Structure formats: structure tokens, C-alpha cells
């Protein structure tokens, strides 16, 4: 059209072409259209300016988009929203929120999309105070009940760790859709409220709410060691009934669910029945075999993954290192670390370094583990020192354990882990005075140990127990059976290991 010269380029032509310029491949074309706008004198047209801002931000040219915005003499709600939204979507959260505040101080009123973008910026910054202020504005305007606004509010509160507020928005919603359910389930999962997430999902299904593959994937992601396998199987039945089993994300979720619930056979079955697999599918299966101590099968899947043309990710190597650690393949583990950098250009994270330290420690190579830590390109994090301290506990090395614990005391002064692990090491060596000093120090620092919980599933119900638990309805029967079993064990020659007993008064009581 342009080359024929028969038609004049106008604002509609330019805005239509600019709406197609999305992605880094269109950077130069975007600049050419901008040049045409200047050539034909449309640089002051508000619709062309808005289209230029949007297209520049979609192409990743943030400075050019901001320049167009700053040079516009007239701005409407679309102009402001395009800039605020583009910045938030490209993770320039602070600048996006700053611009939103400036807009609110001006004459142009924000619209739904502007508020959605501001909530996205608050989520990215985990800015709870500012998010509450935006919520207040929405409530004042009477638009907090909009479906998209409600989902954005739930996401913001979840990302800020305020699940009570997120749940309050969820429960006050007059209409719930699949997006709302997915957001609240993901929020519970991210904040460690797995049981609540499952309860919400069950409640919604029983109420007749429609679920989609994204919702099912979200709830499968919360399953862990304390979640009911029977419930997981029911969700699997729901997936088959709704024909979601062909969805890649749902199948990957099923692999993780069965693996974490300890059913490796069903995990393998789901994987084998998948018509299409991606790197997440293979990573999940490699992690499952590593978790269950089958290192040879994990290595085999790694090779199959490469044959399928799927490049390993840093998560792949994390699972492979776990597999090496569990079976003592130190040389193989070091080889994987070198391979991920040399062949795949992946930079190891602290999680990878912690795995190497754990692997060396389990093999009894504590000095080598310490040397490895000292050679790291950056300061070791909490995970690395925890791995070394755990290895010292495994090997019973009190001197190295104190060294690792002192590092952890500095990095995580409120964590009970270094105190407990160091106390256990001293107990195992019979150094009761040092153990007592460690426990006293923990109490003086005001650090408390979280109560450990054990789970067992009986007849589709999960029962949880803590130390000295007296709350279970069948407690007397359970303790009676345990006492009888303990007598049989002692008759067979079992001697209690006091290494992990943190408190006891005398020999008879400990036994």
C-alpha cells in the first residue's frame, strides 16, 4: 500500500500496523513506523502515541516507550494505563507503581485495567501496604466485585503472604470462576497451607463449581507427604471423567502427586501413558526416582530426555545430584556439576552446591566438603552450611559441626536447626555438657523448636501425631501397641539410640 503511493497513510493505518508489532523481532519495524508518524506529522496524535507506547513496551524497548510517553503533551486514561501496564508486565514494578501514584494525583481517572496493573505491581513488590491502599480505592469506587479485580486482589494478598485477606476476598465473591479458584489454590500452596488448599478445592467441587485443567494442576501441586493419597486418587478419577488427562500440565501434576505420596508404581504408569512429554515431565520423573533411591533409573531417564531432544534444566541436575548423594556416587555428582556448566551453560545455584556438600558429607568426605565450600565463587548461603552441619551430624564430627553451626548462627540466628543438630552431635559423642550449653544457648536466644509431626493414612483418613501426643481418640490403644512392640524389640536385642533424645531424666525413663 505504501509503495504504490495511491493511498495516504493516516492515524488508523499507523495504529493498526503498530498493534501487530509485538515481540523483540519487531523492534526495527516499530522504529520505522515511528519514523512515518513523525514524517506525516502524527507525533502529537494521542491514538498514535498510545499505540507507540504499547508496541515499544511489547518489543522490550522501555526507554523508547517512556520517551514517547514523556513527550506527549496530551495524555488520556489509555496513555497512562498503557505505560503502567507495560512496566508492570515487564517486571518494572516499582516504576509502574510510582507512575500509578502520579496518575492518581492528576486529573485523569484510572480505569479497571489501570487498577489491575497497579495490583500486579504490588504483587511483584510484595507491597502489602500499597496493595491495601489500592483495595481501599476499589472499595470506595464500588468496583472491587469485578471478577478480574477479585482475582488480582487474591493474587496480591497471596504474594504478600496475607492469606486471611486473600481468603476473605475469595469467600465474599458472588461469582467464582476457574481463574479465581486457581489463584486462591496457588496462593495457599505458595504460603504452605496445603491442607487448606485441598479443603477449598473439595468444597468448590461439591458446590458444583466448574474446574479447568489449570485449577486441577494448582491443587495437585499442593500434595505432599501429609496429604491423603486416597483424595489424590479421587482427583485423578475427576481428571479422567473430565478428560483432562491429555493435558500436559495435569499429567505432570499427577506425576508429582503420586511421587510425593510415595506411590512410585502409579507415578511410572502416568508417565508411560503420556502421549506428549516435556522437560518438566522428565524432571518430575527423575526427581521421583531420586526421591525413592533408584539412581540408575534416574540416570537412564536423563539420557532418554536428551535423545528426545529436550535440554536438561538446572532442576534436572538438582534431581540427579540428589540421586548421586543417596547412593554415594561422588565422582558422578561432580561430573554432573561440571557438565551443566560446560555443555549446557547452566550456572549452579546454591541448591546445587548444597547437594554437592551433602553428597560429600554422606560419603564421609567432610574435609573435602569444607574445601569445596571455600572454593565457591560466591558467599555460601544457609542451605550450604545446613548441608555441612547435617553431614557432620551423620558422621558424628563435633568439631566440624561446631564450625558449620557457628556459620549458621550468623546467617540464621532465629533458626532452631543449628542448635538441634549440634546438640544431637554432642549427644552422639557423649559430650553432655556441650549439649546442655547448646540447648541453654538456644533458650537464651529465644529460639524455639517447631514441633515435629508424623502422619499415617488409615482408611482414607490422615492421622497426625506430635511427641507425647495425648489428643488422639485412640491414644491409649496406640501407646499400648507401641509398648508391646518395644518389648519385643528389646527382647530381640534392640538398644535405644540416645543420639536424638533431647531430654530424659534417667536410664529407666529413657528406655
Protein backbone atom coordinates (compact mmCIF):
# COMPACT_ATOMS: atom_id res chain seq x y z
CA UNK A 1 0.00 0.00 0.00
CA UNK A 2 2.79 2.37 0.97
CA UNK A 3 4.87 1.61 -2.13
CA UNK A 4 2.02 2.26 -4.56
CA UNK A 5 1.58 5.79 -3.22
CA UNK A 6 -2.10 5.64 -4.13
CA UNK A 7 -3.34 5.79 -0.54
CA UNK A 8 -2.39 8.27 2.16
CA UNK A 9 -1.15 6.86 5.45
CA UNK A 10 -3.36 8.09 8.30
CA UNK A 11 -3.68 7.52 12.05
CA UNK A 12 -5.75 4.35 11.59
CA UNK A 13 -3.10 2.85 9.31
CA UNK A 14 -0.32 3.53 11.79
CA UNK A 15 -2.18 2.30 14.88
CA UNK A 16 -3.29 -0.88 13.09
CA UNK A 17 0.26 -1.72 11.98
CA UNK A 18 1.63 -0.88 15.46
CA UNK A 19 -0.87 -3.26 17.07
CA UNK A 20 0.85 -6.07 15.13
CA UNK A 21 4.33 -5.10 16.35
CA UNK A 22 4.62 -7.39 19.37
CA UNK A 23 7.91 -9.01 20.39
CA UNK A 24 11.63 -8.29 20.02
CA UNK A 25 11.61 -9.31 16.33
CA UNK A 26 9.59 -6.17 15.51
CA UNK A 27 11.91 -3.58 17.09
CA UNK A 28 13.18 -2.16 13.80
CA UNK A 29 9.76 -2.19 12.17
CA UNK A 30 8.39 -0.38 15.20
CA UNK A 31 11.02 2.35 14.79
CA UNK A 32 10.22 2.63 11.07
CA UNK A 33 6.52 3.17 11.80
CA UNK A 34 7.52 5.73 14.43
CA UNK A 35 9.53 7.49 11.70
CA UNK A 36 6.47 7.52 9.42
CA UNK A 37 4.41 9.04 12.23
CA UNK A 38 6.96 11.85 12.54
CA UNK A 39 7.14 12.24 8.73
CA UNK A 40 3.38 12.69 8.37
CA UNK A 41 3.06 14.90 11.45
CA UNK A 42 1.12 12.48 13.64
CA UNK A 43 3.56 12.51 16.58
CA UNK A 44 1.11 14.68 18.53
CA UNK A 45 -1.88 12.41 17.86
CA UNK A 46 -2.94 10.73 21.09
CA UNK A 47 -4.06 7.44 19.49
CA UNK A 48 -0.77 7.06 17.61
CA UNK A 49 1.20 7.92 20.76
CA UNK A 50 -0.73 5.31 22.74
CA UNK A 51 -0.09 2.68 20.07
CA UNK A 52 3.63 3.55 20.02
CA UNK A 53 3.92 3.20 23.81
CA UNK A 54 2.19 -0.19 23.76
CA UNK A 55 4.20 -1.56 20.85
CA UNK A 56 7.55 -0.31 22.21
CA UNK A 57 6.90 -1.94 25.58
CA UNK A 58 5.82 -5.20 23.94
CA UNK A 59 9.08 -5.14 21.96
CA UNK A 60 11.12 -4.58 25.12
CA UNK A 61 12.11 -1.00 24.21
CA UNK A 62 11.26 0.51 27.59
CA UNK A 63 13.30 3.69 27.23
CA UNK A 64 11.70 4.48 23.83
CA UNK A 65 8.23 3.82 25.20
CA UNK A 66 8.89 6.07 28.20
CA UNK A 67 10.28 8.80 25.91
CA UNK A 68 7.10 8.78 23.79
CA UNK A 69 5.04 8.94 27.00
CA UNK A 70 7.04 11.85 28.45
CA UNK A 71 6.91 13.84 25.18
CA UNK A 72 3.13 13.54 24.76
CA UNK A 73 1.51 16.90 25.52
CA UNK A 74 -1.91 15.30 25.96
CA UNK A 75 -2.48 12.04 27.84
CA UNK A 76 -5.71 10.14 28.41
CA UNK A 77 -6.51 7.08 30.52
CA UNK A 78 -5.30 4.76 27.74
CA UNK A 79 -1.91 6.54 27.68
CA UNK A 80 -1.36 6.18 31.42
CA UNK A 81 -2.67 2.62 31.51
CA UNK A 82 -0.51 1.53 28.56
CA UNK A 83 2.61 2.77 30.35
CA UNK A 84 1.68 1.47 33.82
CA UNK A 85 0.58 -1.91 32.44
CA UNK A 86 3.62 -2.31 30.18
CA UNK A 87 6.04 -1.59 33.03
CA UNK A 88 4.27 -3.99 35.40
CA UNK A 89 4.11 -6.81 32.84
CA UNK A 90 7.85 -6.42 32.22
CA UNK A 91 8.56 -6.57 35.98
CA UNK A 92 9.41 -2.88 36.40
CA UNK A 93 7.09 -2.97 39.37
CA UNK A 94 8.46 -0.03 41.36
CA UNK A 95 8.38 2.36 38.40
CA UNK A 96 4.91 1.14 37.45
CA UNK A 97 3.55 1.79 40.95
CA UNK A 98 5.26 5.18 41.11
CA UNK A 99 3.58 6.17 37.83
CA UNK A 100 0.20 4.94 39.11
CA UNK A 101 0.52 7.17 42.20
CA UNK A 102 1.39 10.12 39.94
CA UNK A 103 -1.68 9.38 37.80
CA UNK A 104 -3.93 9.32 40.88
CA UNK A 105 -2.60 12.75 41.85
CA UNK A 106 -3.54 14.16 38.40
CA UNK A 107 -6.75 14.85 36.52
CA UNK A 108 -7.08 11.54 34.63
CA UNK A 109 -9.09 8.86 36.46
CA UNK A 110 -7.73 5.28 36.37
CA UNK A 111 -9.92 2.53 34.88
CA UNK A 112 -10.25 -1.21 35.58
CA UNK A 113 -7.12 -2.06 33.60
CA UNK A 114 -5.09 0.59 35.42
CA UNK A 115 -6.08 -0.84 38.80
CA UNK A 116 -5.32 -4.38 37.62
CA UNK A 117 -1.84 -3.25 36.59
CA UNK A 118 -1.26 -1.49 39.91
CA UNK A 119 -2.23 -4.68 41.77
CA UNK A 120 0.19 -6.65 39.59
CA UNK A 121 2.93 -4.20 40.58
CA UNK A 122 2.04 -4.60 44.27
CA UNK A 123 2.17 -8.39 43.88
CA UNK A 124 5.59 -8.20 42.26
CA UNK A 125 6.95 -5.94 45.01
CA UNK A 126 5.09 -7.84 47.76
CA UNK A 127 3.93 -4.37 48.81
CA UNK A 128 1.06 -5.23 51.17
CA UNK A 129 0.55 -1.67 52.46
CA UNK A 130 0.24 -0.19 48.97
CA UNK A 131 -1.93 -3.15 47.87
CA UNK A 132 -4.33 -2.46 50.76
CA UNK A 133 -4.49 1.18 49.70
CA UNK A 134 -5.41 0.20 46.14
CA UNK A 135 -8.03 -2.18 47.59
CA UNK A 136 -9.43 0.77 49.55
CA UNK A 137 -9.72 2.84 46.36
CA UNK A 138 -11.51 -0.03 44.61
CA UNK A 139 -13.92 -0.42 47.52
CA UNK A 140 -14.58 3.33 47.51
CA UNK A 141 -15.34 3.22 43.77
CA UNK A 142 -17.54 0.14 44.18
CA UNK A 143 -15.68 -1.98 41.62
CA UNK A 144 -13.96 -4.45 43.97
CA UNK A 145 -16.53 -7.12 42.97
CA UNK A 146 -15.34 -7.26 39.36
CA UNK A 147 -14.16 -10.83 38.64
CA UNK A 148 -10.77 -9.75 37.30
CA UNK A 149 -10.27 -7.31 40.18
CA UNK A 150 -11.11 -10.01 42.75
CA UNK A 151 -8.61 -12.42 41.18
CA UNK A 152 -5.93 -9.71 41.16
CA UNK A 153 -6.64 -8.87 44.81
CA UNK A 154 -6.37 -12.54 45.82
CA UNK A 155 -3.10 -12.83 43.92
CA UNK A 156 -1.73 -9.68 45.55
CA UNK A 157 -2.63 -10.77 49.10
CA UNK A 158 -1.27 -14.28 48.45
CA UNK A 159 2.05 -12.97 47.11
CA UNK A 160 2.30 -10.70 50.16
CA UNK A 161 1.70 -13.68 52.47
CA UNK A 162 -1.64 -12.38 53.78
CA UNK A 163 -3.77 -15.47 53.16
CA UNK A 164 -6.51 -14.38 55.58
CA UNK A 165 -7.21 -11.35 53.39
CA UNK A 166 -6.97 -13.44 50.21
CA UNK A 167 -9.47 -15.94 51.61
CA UNK A 168 -11.77 -13.10 52.71
CA UNK A 169 -11.89 -11.79 49.14
CA UNK A 170 -12.46 -15.32 47.85
CA UNK A 171 -15.33 -16.04 50.24
CA UNK A 172 -17.03 -12.69 49.60
CA UNK A 173 -17.03 -13.20 45.83
CA UNK A 174 -20.56 -13.51 44.45
CA UNK A 175 -19.36 -15.38 41.36
CA UNK A 176 -16.38 -17.72 41.23
CA UNK A 177 -14.69 -18.80 38.04
CA UNK A 178 -11.79 -21.12 37.25
CA UNK A 179 -9.29 -18.24 37.43
CA UNK A 180 -10.38 -17.29 40.96
CA UNK A 181 -10.09 -20.88 42.15
CA UNK A 182 -6.67 -21.33 40.55
CA UNK A 183 -5.37 -18.11 42.12
CA UNK A 184 -6.51 -18.99 45.65
CA UNK A 185 -5.20 -22.57 45.38
CA UNK A 186 -1.83 -21.34 44.12
CA UNK A 187 -1.75 -18.80 46.96
CA UNK A 188 -2.34 -21.47 49.60
CA UNK A 189 0.35 -23.64 48.03
CA UNK A 190 2.90 -20.79 47.91
CA UNK A 191 2.32 -19.97 51.57
CA UNK A 192 2.49 -23.56 52.83
CA UNK A 193 -1.24 -24.05 53.51
CA UNK A 194 -1.55 -27.32 51.63
CA UNK A 195 -4.40 -28.74 53.69
CA UNK A 196 -6.47 -25.55 53.34
CA UNK A 197 -5.94 -25.60 49.57
CA UNK A 198 -7.26 -29.15 49.32
CA UNK A 199 -10.26 -28.29 51.52
CA UNK A 200 -11.14 -25.29 49.35
CA UNK A 201 -10.89 -27.42 46.20
CA UNK A 202 -13.13 -30.15 47.63
CA UNK A 203 -15.64 -27.55 48.83
CA UNK A 204 -15.80 -25.92 45.38
CA UNK A 205 -16.24 -29.22 43.55
CA UNK A 206 -19.00 -30.30 45.94
CA UNK A 207 -20.71 -26.93 45.41
CA UNK A 208 -20.84 -27.65 41.69
CA UNK A 209 -18.25 -25.07 40.60
CA UNK A 210 -16.64 -25.80 37.26
CA UNK A 211 -12.94 -26.62 37.31
CA UNK A 212 -10.50 -26.46 34.42
CA UNK A 213 -7.06 -28.04 33.87
CA UNK A 214 -5.31 -25.04 35.46
CA UNK A 215 -7.35 -25.41 38.66
CA UNK A 216 -6.62 -29.14 38.84
CA UNK A 217 -2.90 -28.54 38.22
CA UNK A 218 -2.86 -26.00 41.05
CA UNK A 219 -4.40 -28.38 43.59
CA UNK A 220 -2.14 -31.26 42.52
CA UNK A 221 0.81 -29.00 43.24
CA UNK A 222 -0.02 -28.82 46.96
CA UNK A 223 0.12 -32.57 47.57
CA UNK A 224 2.92 -33.77 49.82
CA UNK A 225 3.78 -36.32 52.48
CA UNK A 226 0.94 -35.22 54.75
CA UNK A 227 -1.77 -35.23 52.10
CA UNK A 228 -4.24 -38.04 51.56
CA UNK A 229 -3.31 -40.42 48.75
CA UNK A 230 -6.95 -41.51 48.61
CA UNK A 231 -8.01 -37.93 47.88
CA UNK A 232 -5.30 -37.70 45.20
CA UNK A 233 -6.76 -40.80 43.55
CA UNK A 234 -10.24 -39.24 43.65
CA UNK A 235 -8.89 -36.15 41.90
CA UNK A 236 -7.30 -38.48 39.34
CA UNK A 237 -10.75 -40.01 38.74
CA UNK A 238 -12.18 -36.50 38.29
CA UNK A 239 -9.43 -35.77 35.75
CA UNK A 240 -10.31 -38.88 33.74
CA UNK A 241 -14.03 -38.09 33.94
CA UNK A 242 -13.47 -34.55 32.61
CA UNK A 243 -10.91 -35.80 30.07
CA UNK A 244 -8.14 -33.59 31.42
CA UNK A 245 -5.66 -36.49 31.36
CA UNK A 246 -4.41 -35.44 27.91
CA UNK A 247 -3.39 -32.05 29.33
CA UNK A 248 0.38 -31.92 29.76
CA UNK A 249 0.32 -29.80 32.93
CA UNK A 250 -2.27 -32.02 34.59
CA UNK A 251 -0.26 -35.17 33.82
CA UNK A 252 2.89 -33.54 35.21
CA UNK A 253 0.91 -32.66 38.33
CA UNK A 254 -0.22 -36.28 38.70
CA UNK A 255 3.41 -37.45 38.48
CA UNK A 256 4.39 -35.11 41.31
CA UNK A 257 1.34 -36.00 43.39
CA UNK A 258 1.86 -39.78 43.24
CA UNK A 259 5.61 -39.41 43.74
CA UNK A 260 5.30 -37.25 46.86
CA UNK A 261 2.61 -39.53 48.26
CA UNK A 262 5.04 -42.46 47.93
CA UNK A 263 3.38 -44.40 45.09
CA UNK A 264 6.21 -44.84 42.59
CA UNK A 265 4.43 -47.55 40.58
CA UNK A 266 1.48 -45.23 39.81
CA UNK A 267 3.92 -42.41 39.06
CA UNK A 268 5.61 -44.51 36.38
CA UNK A 269 2.22 -45.54 34.96
CA UNK A 270 1.11 -41.92 34.49
CA UNK A 271 4.43 -41.07 32.81
CA UNK A 272 4.32 -44.10 30.48
CA UNK A 273 0.75 -43.28 29.37
CA UNK A 274 1.57 -39.69 28.39
CA UNK A 275 1.30 -39.12 24.64
CA UNK A 276 3.39 -35.95 24.89
CA UNK A 277 6.15 -35.12 27.38
CA UNK A 278 8.18 -32.00 28.03
CA UNK A 279 11.23 -31.26 30.17
CA UNK A 280 9.01 -30.85 33.26
CA UNK A 281 7.66 -34.38 32.75
CA UNK A 282 11.18 -35.82 32.66
CA UNK A 283 12.35 -33.62 35.55
CA UNK A 284 9.42 -34.82 37.65
CA UNK A 285 10.17 -38.47 36.92
CA UNK A 286 13.91 -38.08 37.55
CA UNK A 287 13.07 -36.39 40.86
CA UNK A 288 10.66 -39.25 41.71
CA UNK A 289 13.29 -41.94 41.15
CA UNK A 290 15.90 -39.89 43.03
CA UNK A 291 13.44 -39.45 45.93
CA UNK A 292 12.86 -43.21 46.04
CA UNK A 293 16.58 -44.09 45.82
CA UNK A 294 16.53 -45.53 42.29
CA UNK A 295 19.53 -43.67 40.90
CA UNK A 296 20.15 -45.94 37.89
CA UNK A 297 16.62 -45.29 36.58
CA UNK A 298 17.06 -41.53 37.17
CA UNK A 299 20.28 -41.57 35.10
CA UNK A 300 18.57 -43.61 32.38
CA UNK A 301 15.74 -41.08 32.10
CA UNK A 302 18.29 -38.29 31.84
CA UNK A 303 19.79 -40.00 28.79
CA UNK A 304 16.32 -40.64 27.30
CA UNK A 305 15.48 -36.98 27.80
CA UNK A 306 18.46 -35.91 25.69
CA UNK A 307 17.58 -38.46 22.98
CA UNK A 308 14.09 -36.90 22.82
CA UNK A 309 15.74 -33.57 22.03
CA UNK A 310 14.83 -31.99 25.37
CA UNK A 311 17.60 -29.97 27.01
CA UNK A 312 18.14 -30.61 30.73
CA UNK A 313 17.47 -27.68 33.05
CA UNK A 314 19.04 -26.71 36.36
CA UNK A 315 16.16 -28.62 38.03
CA UNK A 316 17.19 -31.77 36.15
CA UNK A 317 20.70 -31.58 37.56
CA UNK A 318 19.38 -30.85 41.04
CA UNK A 319 17.48 -34.16 40.99
CA UNK A 320 20.48 -36.00 39.51
CA UNK A 321 22.67 -34.67 42.33
CA UNK A 322 20.10 -35.89 44.88
CA UNK A 323 20.26 -39.32 43.26
CA UNK A 324 24.08 -39.34 43.43
CA UNK A 325 24.00 -38.23 47.07
CA UNK A 326 21.66 -41.04 48.15
CA UNK A 327 23.84 -43.80 46.70
CA UNK A 328 27.29 -42.28 47.31
CA UNK A 329 28.28 -41.64 43.66
CA UNK A 330 30.56 -38.70 44.43
CA UNK A 331 32.51 -38.79 41.16
CA UNK A 332 29.30 -38.95 39.12
CA UNK A 333 27.86 -35.99 41.02
CA UNK A 334 30.92 -33.80 40.45
CA UNK A 335 30.78 -34.79 36.78
CA UNK A 336 27.16 -33.58 36.57
CA UNK A 337 28.08 -30.19 38.10
CA UNK A 338 30.88 -29.71 35.58
CA UNK A 339 28.63 -30.90 32.74
CA UNK A 340 25.80 -28.47 33.45
CA UNK A 341 28.22 -25.55 33.13
CA UNK A 342 30.42 -26.81 30.31
CA UNK A 343 27.87 -28.42 27.99
CA UNK A 344 24.59 -26.66 28.79
CA UNK A 345 25.75 -23.24 30.00
CA UNK A 346 23.81 -23.53 33.27
CA UNK A 347 25.16 -21.71 36.32
CA UNK A 348 24.80 -23.79 39.51
CA UNK A 349 22.64 -22.28 42.24
CA UNK A 350 23.16 -22.58 46.00
CA UNK A 351 20.83 -25.57 45.94
CA UNK A 352 23.27 -27.40 43.64
CA UNK A 353 26.24 -26.52 45.85
CA UNK A 354 24.33 -27.70 48.93
CA UNK A 355 23.66 -31.02 47.17
CA UNK A 356 27.37 -31.46 46.47
CA UNK A 357 28.22 -30.74 50.12
CA UNK A 358 25.56 -33.23 51.24
CA UNK A 359 26.90 -35.80 48.77
CA UNK A 360 30.48 -35.41 50.02
CA UNK A 361 29.33 -35.47 53.64
CA UNK A 362 27.28 -38.64 53.26
CA UNK A 363 30.39 -40.27 51.80
CA UNK A 364 32.35 -39.25 54.89
CA UNK A 365 34.44 -36.68 52.99
CA UNK A 366 33.90 -33.77 55.37
CA UNK A 367 37.28 -32.11 54.75
CA UNK A 368 36.63 -32.26 51.00
CA UNK A 369 33.18 -30.72 51.62
CA UNK A 370 34.75 -27.86 53.58
CA UNK A 371 37.36 -27.30 50.83
CA UNK A 372 34.56 -27.29 48.23
CA UNK A 373 32.66 -24.61 50.19
CA UNK A 374 35.79 -22.45 50.46
CA UNK A 375 36.24 -22.63 46.67
CA UNK A 376 32.72 -21.41 45.82
CA UNK A 377 32.55 -18.32 43.57
CA UNK A 378 30.13 -16.55 45.96
CA UNK A 379 29.47 -16.49 49.69
CA UNK A 380 27.87 -19.76 50.80
CA UNK A 381 24.21 -19.47 51.75
CA UNK A 382 22.18 -21.03 54.54
CA UNK A 383 21.49 -24.18 52.52
CA UNK A 384 25.20 -24.93 52.07
CA UNK A 385 26.04 -24.61 55.77
CA UNK A 386 22.95 -26.63 56.71
CA UNK A 387 24.13 -29.38 54.38
CA UNK A 388 27.58 -29.40 56.02
CA UNK A 389 26.09 -29.43 59.52
CA UNK A 390 23.72 -32.25 58.53
CA UNK A 391 26.69 -34.21 57.18
CA UNK A 392 28.56 -33.65 60.46
CA UNK A 393 25.53 -34.99 62.33
CA UNK A 394 25.50 -38.02 60.03
CA UNK A 395 29.23 -38.63 60.62
CA UNK A 396 29.31 -37.55 64.27
CA UNK A 397 32.06 -34.93 63.75
CA UNK A 398 31.58 -32.43 66.60
CA UNK A 399 34.49 -30.09 65.69
CA UNK A 400 33.43 -29.60 62.08
CA UNK A 401 29.82 -29.48 63.27
CA UNK A 402 30.58 -26.55 65.59
CA UNK A 403 32.32 -24.78 62.72
CA UNK A 404 29.26 -25.17 60.47
CA UNK A 405 26.85 -24.30 63.29
CA UNK A 406 28.71 -21.05 64.05
CA UNK A 407 28.33 -20.03 60.40
CA UNK A 408 24.60 -20.78 60.58
CA UNK A 409 24.18 -18.84 63.84
CA UNK A 410 25.35 -15.74 61.97
CA UNK A 411 23.20 -16.29 58.87
CA UNK A 412 20.04 -17.61 60.55
CA UNK A 413 20.02 -16.54 64.22
CA UNK A 414 16.31 -17.39 64.62
CA UNK A 415 16.55 -20.91 63.19
CA UNK A 416 16.46 -23.83 65.66
CA UNK A 417 18.16 -26.20 63.15
CA UNK A 418 21.83 -25.47 64.04
CA UNK A 419 21.14 -25.77 67.77
CA UNK A 420 19.27 -29.06 67.47
CA UNK A 421 21.72 -30.64 65.02
CA UNK A 422 24.74 -29.58 67.11
CA UNK A 423 23.06 -30.88 70.28
CA UNK A 424 22.44 -34.21 68.55
CA UNK A 425 26.10 -34.42 67.53
CA UNK A 426 27.23 -33.81 71.11
CA UNK A 427 24.71 -36.42 72.36
CA UNK A 428 26.09 -39.00 69.97
CA UNK A 429 29.64 -38.34 71.25
CA UNK A 430 28.54 -38.43 74.88
CA UNK A 431 29.53 -34.79 75.41
CA UNK A 432 26.60 -33.91 77.64
CA UNK A 433 27.97 -30.63 78.99
CA UNK A 434 28.43 -29.20 75.48
CA UNK A 435 25.00 -30.45 74.56
CA UNK A 436 23.44 -28.76 77.61
CA UNK A 437 25.26 -25.49 76.80
CA UNK A 438 23.92 -25.59 73.23
CA UNK A 439 20.32 -26.11 74.38
CA UNK A 440 20.72 -23.37 77.03
CA UNK A 441 22.07 -21.00 74.39
CA UNK A 442 19.05 -21.73 72.18
CA UNK A 443 16.68 -20.88 75.05
CA UNK A 444 18.64 -17.73 75.97
CA UNK A 445 18.35 -16.55 72.35
CA UNK A 446 14.59 -17.09 72.47
CA UNK A 447 14.71 -19.65 69.67
CA UNK A 448 12.05 -22.36 69.85
CA UNK A 449 11.97 -25.66 68.05
CA UNK A 450 8.94 -26.36 65.91
CA UNK A 451 7.05 -29.45 66.98
CA UNK A 452 7.69 -32.37 64.66
CA UNK A 453 4.62 -34.05 63.18
CA UNK A 454 4.20 -37.59 61.84
CA UNK A 455 1.41 -38.72 59.53
CA UNK A 456 -0.20 -42.02 58.71
CA UNK A 457 -3.18 -42.65 56.44
CA UNK A 458 -5.66 -45.29 57.57
CA UNK A 459 -8.91 -45.98 55.69
CA UNK A 460 -8.69 -42.79 53.62
CA UNK A 461 -8.10 -40.58 56.67
CA UNK A 462 -4.81 -38.88 57.55
CA UNK A 463 -3.89 -39.07 61.26
CA UNK A 464 -1.19 -36.72 62.58
CA UNK A 465 0.85 -37.09 65.76
CA UNK A 466 3.34 -35.00 67.73
CA UNK A 467 5.75 -36.01 70.50
CA UNK A 468 3.93 -37.06 73.71
CA UNK A 469 0.63 -36.73 71.81
CA UNK A 470 -2.35 -37.24 74.14
CA UNK A 471 -5.05 -35.79 71.86
CA UNK A 472 -5.83 -38.74 69.59
CA UNK A 473 -9.09 -40.51 70.38
CA UNK A 474 -7.35 -43.91 70.24
CA UNK A 475 -4.24 -42.73 72.09
CA UNK A 476 -4.35 -45.36 74.84
CA UNK A 477 -4.65 -48.21 72.33
CA UNK A 478 -1.81 -46.79 70.21
CA UNK A 479 0.55 -46.41 73.17
CA UNK A 480 -0.34 -49.91 74.34
CA UNK A 481 0.59 -51.41 70.97
CA UNK A 482 3.82 -49.36 70.82
CA UNK A 483 4.81 -50.54 74.29
CA UNK A 484 4.22 -54.17 73.33
CA UNK A 485 6.26 -53.72 70.13
CA UNK A 486 9.06 -52.07 72.09
CA UNK A 487 9.21 -55.01 74.47
CA UNK A 488 9.54 -57.39 71.56
CA UNK A 489 12.32 -55.21 70.07
CA UNK A 490 14.22 -55.16 73.38
CA UNK A 491 13.88 -58.93 73.67
CA UNK A 492 15.49 -59.18 70.24
CA UNK A 493 18.47 -57.14 71.48
CA UNK A 494 17.47 -53.61 70.45
CA UNK A 495 19.31 -50.86 72.38
CA UNK A 496 17.77 -47.33 72.22
CA UNK A 497 19.92 -44.74 70.45
CA UNK A 498 20.08 -41.69 72.71
CA UNK A 499 21.66 -39.58 69.99
CA UNK A 500 18.36 -37.94 69.06
CA UNK A 501 16.82 -37.83 72.56
CA UNK A 502 16.86 -34.18 73.57
CA UNK A 503 15.66 -34.66 77.14
CA UNK A 504 15.44 -37.54 79.58
CA UNK A 505 15.86 -37.79 83.35
CA UNK A 506 17.26 -41.27 83.91
CA UNK A 507 18.07 -44.54 82.21
CA UNK A 508 14.77 -46.25 83.01
CA UNK A 509 12.65 -43.34 81.81
CA UNK A 510 14.55 -43.04 78.54
CA UNK A 511 14.04 -46.72 77.86
